[in-house]
Amino acid sequence: MVNLRTNRIFELNATGMRAWELIGDGHTREEIERRLEDEFDAAPGRVRAELEQLLGDLAREGLVDAVAHR
């Protein structure tokens, strides 16, 4: 993924890419978390931590609205 404003390149794994798709579809953080847990058969705590990290990174880059995804 490329931030066109800064030309910074971000590499996302399969989970990160799926989260990005769900963000684009307008899902809330809670909905995204549940979907990722189901789709990737992952532990809730791990999904929550990784999703929070991803959303924080994307928000700092101005790629998502931090308030909308809390």
N, C-alpha and C. Protein backbone atom coordinates (compact mmCIF):
# COMPACT_ATOMS: atom_id res chain seq x y z
N MET A 1 0.85 -1.15 0.00
CA MET A 1 0.00 0.00 0.00
C MET A 1 0.91 1.23 0.00
N VAL A 2 0.50 2.25 -0.75
CA VAL A 2 1.29 3.47 -0.84
C VAL A 2 0.45 4.66 -0.38
N ASN A 3 1.01 5.44 0.52
CA ASN A 3 0.39 6.69 0.91
C ASN A 3 0.78 7.71 -0.15
N LEU A 4 -0.16 8.09 -0.99
CA LEU A 4 0.13 8.96 -2.12
C LEU A 4 0.53 10.38 -1.71
N ARG A 5 0.15 10.78 -0.50
CA ARG A 5 0.55 12.11 -0.03
C ARG A 5 2.02 12.17 0.38
N THR A 6 2.53 11.05 0.91
CA THR A 6 3.91 11.04 1.40
C THR A 6 4.82 10.12 0.60
N ASN A 7 4.25 9.32 -0.29
CA ASN A 7 4.98 8.30 -1.06
C ASN A 7 5.58 7.21 -0.18
N ARG A 8 5.12 7.09 1.05
CA ARG A 8 5.58 6.01 1.93
C ARG A 8 4.88 4.73 1.54
N ILE A 9 5.64 3.65 1.57
CA ILE A 9 5.12 2.33 1.20
C ILE A 9 4.92 1.52 2.47
N PHE A 10 3.77 0.85 2.56
CA PHE A 10 3.44 -0.01 3.68
C PHE A 10 3.18 -1.41 3.17
N GLU A 11 3.78 -2.37 3.82
CA GLU A 11 3.56 -3.77 3.47
C GLU A 11 2.60 -4.36 4.49
N LEU A 12 1.49 -4.91 4.02
CA LEU A 12 0.49 -5.50 4.90
C LEU A 12 0.46 -7.01 4.69
N ASN A 13 0.32 -7.74 5.80
CA ASN A 13 0.13 -9.19 5.67
C ASN A 13 -1.34 -9.44 5.31
N ALA A 14 -1.72 -10.69 5.21
CA ALA A 14 -3.09 -11.03 4.79
C ALA A 14 -4.13 -10.46 5.75
N THR A 15 -3.84 -10.51 7.04
CA THR A 15 -4.78 -9.98 8.03
C THR A 15 -4.89 -8.47 7.91
N GLY A 16 -3.77 -7.80 7.75
CA GLY A 16 -3.77 -6.34 7.59
C GLY A 16 -4.50 -5.92 6.33
N MET A 17 -4.30 -6.68 5.26
CA MET A 17 -4.98 -6.36 4.01
C MET A 17 -6.49 -6.53 4.14
N ARG A 18 -6.90 -7.60 4.84
CA ARG A 18 -8.33 -7.82 5.04
C ARG A 18 -8.91 -6.72 5.93
N ALA A 19 -8.18 -6.31 6.95
CA ALA A 19 -8.65 -5.21 7.80
C ALA A 19 -8.82 -3.95 6.97
N TRP A 20 -7.87 -3.66 6.08
CA TRP A 20 -7.94 -2.48 5.21
C TRP A 20 -9.19 -2.54 4.33
N GLU A 21 -9.50 -3.73 3.80
CA GLU A 21 -10.71 -3.89 2.99
C GLU A 21 -11.96 -3.61 3.82
N LEU A 22 -11.99 -4.13 5.03
CA LEU A 22 -13.15 -3.93 5.90
C LEU A 22 -13.30 -2.47 6.32
N ILE A 23 -12.18 -1.80 6.53
CA ILE A 23 -12.22 -0.36 6.82
C ILE A 23 -12.85 0.37 5.64
N GLY A 24 -12.40 0.02 4.44
CA GLY A 24 -12.92 0.65 3.23
C GLY A 24 -14.41 0.40 3.03
N ASP A 25 -14.88 -0.74 3.54
CA ASP A 25 -16.31 -1.06 3.43
C ASP A 25 -17.14 -0.37 4.50
N GLY A 26 -16.48 0.36 5.41
CA GLY A 26 -17.20 1.13 6.41
C GLY A 26 -17.49 0.41 7.71
N HIS A 27 -16.85 -0.72 7.96
CA HIS A 27 -17.08 -1.47 9.20
C HIS A 27 -16.46 -0.75 10.39
N THR A 28 -17.06 -0.93 11.55
CA THR A 28 -16.50 -0.38 12.78
C THR A 28 -15.32 -1.23 13.24
N ARG A 29 -14.55 -0.71 14.20
CA ARG A 29 -13.43 -1.47 14.73
C ARG A 29 -13.90 -2.79 15.33
N GLU A 30 -15.00 -2.76 16.05
CA GLU A 30 -15.53 -3.97 16.67
C GLU A 30 -15.94 -5.00 15.61
N GLU A 31 -16.59 -4.54 14.55
CA GLU A 31 -16.98 -5.44 13.47
C GLU A 31 -15.75 -6.04 12.79
N ILE A 32 -14.76 -5.21 12.56
CA ILE A 32 -13.52 -5.69 11.93
C ILE A 32 -12.86 -6.73 12.80
N GLU A 33 -12.79 -6.46 14.09
CA GLU A 33 -12.17 -7.40 15.03
C GLU A 33 -12.87 -8.75 14.99
N ARG A 34 -14.19 -8.75 15.05
CA ARG A 34 -14.95 -10.01 15.01
C ARG A 34 -14.75 -10.75 13.70
N ARG A 35 -14.78 -10.02 12.60
CA ARG A 35 -14.60 -10.66 11.29
C ARG A 35 -13.22 -11.30 11.17
N LEU A 36 -12.19 -10.60 11.63
CA LEU A 36 -10.83 -11.14 11.54
C LEU A 36 -10.68 -12.37 12.43
N GLU A 37 -11.26 -12.34 13.62
CA GLU A 37 -11.21 -13.51 14.50
C GLU A 37 -11.84 -14.72 13.81
N ASP A 38 -12.99 -14.51 13.18
CA ASP A 38 -13.69 -15.60 12.50
C ASP A 38 -12.95 -16.08 11.25
N GLU A 39 -12.56 -15.15 10.41
CA GLU A 39 -11.96 -15.50 9.13
C GLU A 39 -10.57 -16.11 9.26
N PHE A 40 -9.81 -15.69 10.28
CA PHE A 40 -8.44 -16.18 10.43
C PHE A 40 -8.30 -17.15 11.61
N ASP A 41 -9.42 -17.49 12.25
CA ASP A 41 -9.42 -18.41 13.38
C ASP A 41 -8.32 -18.03 14.38
N ALA A 42 -8.35 -16.77 14.78
CA ALA A 42 -7.30 -16.22 15.65
C ALA A 42 -7.86 -15.90 17.02
N ALA A 43 -6.98 -15.90 17.99
CA ALA A 43 -7.35 -15.58 19.37
C ALA A 43 -7.77 -14.12 19.47
N PRO A 44 -8.87 -13.85 20.20
CA PRO A 44 -9.36 -12.47 20.31
C PRO A 44 -8.31 -11.47 20.79
N GLY A 45 -7.56 -11.82 21.81
CA GLY A 45 -6.56 -10.88 22.33
C GLY A 45 -5.50 -10.52 21.31
N ARG A 46 -5.08 -11.49 20.53
CA ARG A 46 -4.06 -11.23 19.52
C ARG A 46 -4.62 -10.35 18.40
N VAL A 47 -5.83 -10.65 17.95
CA VAL A 47 -6.45 -9.84 16.90
C VAL A 47 -6.61 -8.41 17.39
N ARG A 48 -7.09 -8.24 18.60
CA ARG A 48 -7.31 -6.89 19.15
C ARG A 48 -6.01 -6.10 19.19
N ALA A 49 -4.95 -6.72 19.68
CA ALA A 49 -3.66 -6.03 19.79
C ALA A 49 -3.11 -5.66 18.42
N GLU A 50 -3.16 -6.59 17.49
CA GLU A 50 -2.62 -6.31 16.16
C GLU A 50 -3.47 -5.29 15.40
N LEU A 51 -4.78 -5.35 15.59
CA LEU A 51 -5.66 -4.39 14.93
C LEU A 51 -5.43 -2.99 15.50
N GLU A 52 -5.28 -2.89 16.80
CA GLU A 52 -5.00 -1.59 17.42
C GLU A 52 -3.69 -1.00 16.89
N GLN A 53 -2.68 -1.85 16.75
CA GLN A 53 -1.39 -1.39 16.21
C GLN A 53 -1.56 -0.90 14.78
N LEU A 54 -2.26 -1.68 13.96
CA LEU A 54 -2.48 -1.29 12.57
C LEU A 54 -3.26 0.02 12.48
N LEU A 55 -4.35 0.12 13.22
CA LEU A 55 -5.16 1.34 13.17
C LEU A 55 -4.37 2.55 13.65
N GLY A 56 -3.56 2.36 14.68
CA GLY A 56 -2.72 3.45 15.17
C GLY A 56 -1.72 3.90 14.12
N ASP A 57 -1.08 2.94 13.46
CA ASP A 57 -0.11 3.27 12.41
C ASP A 57 -0.79 4.00 11.25
N LEU A 58 -1.94 3.49 10.83
CA LEU A 58 -2.67 4.11 9.71
C LEU A 58 -3.16 5.51 10.09
N ALA A 59 -3.60 5.69 11.32
CA ALA A 59 -4.07 7.00 11.78
C ALA A 59 -2.92 8.00 11.80
N ARG A 60 -1.75 7.57 12.29
CA ARG A 60 -0.60 8.48 12.31
C ARG A 60 -0.19 8.93 10.91
N GLU A 61 -0.43 8.09 9.94
CA GLU A 61 -0.12 8.42 8.55
C GLU A 61 -1.25 9.20 7.87
N GLY A 62 -2.36 9.37 8.59
CA GLY A 62 -3.49 10.09 8.03
C GLY A 62 -4.30 9.26 7.04
N LEU A 63 -4.18 7.93 7.13
CA LEU A 63 -4.88 7.06 6.19
C LEU A 63 -6.24 6.61 6.70
N VAL A 64 -6.48 6.73 8.00
CA VAL A 64 -7.79 6.45 8.58
C VAL A 64 -8.08 7.51 9.64
N ASP A 65 -9.34 7.66 9.96
CA ASP A 65 -9.76 8.57 11.02
C ASP A 65 -9.65 7.83 12.34
N ALA A 66 -8.75 8.24 13.19
CA ALA A 66 -8.51 7.56 14.46
C ALA A 66 -9.75 7.52 15.32
N VAL A 67 -10.52 8.56 15.33
CA VAL A 67 -11.73 8.62 16.18
C VAL A 67 -12.76 7.62 15.69
N ALA A 68 -12.92 7.48 14.40
CA ALA A 68 -13.94 6.59 13.85
C ALA A 68 -13.63 5.11 14.13
N HIS A 69 -12.38 4.79 14.39
CA HIS A 69 -12.00 3.38 14.56
C HIS A 69 -11.51 3.07 15.97
N ARG A 70 -12.05 3.76 16.95
CA ARG A 70 -11.72 3.47 18.35
C ARG A 70 -12.66 2.45 18.89
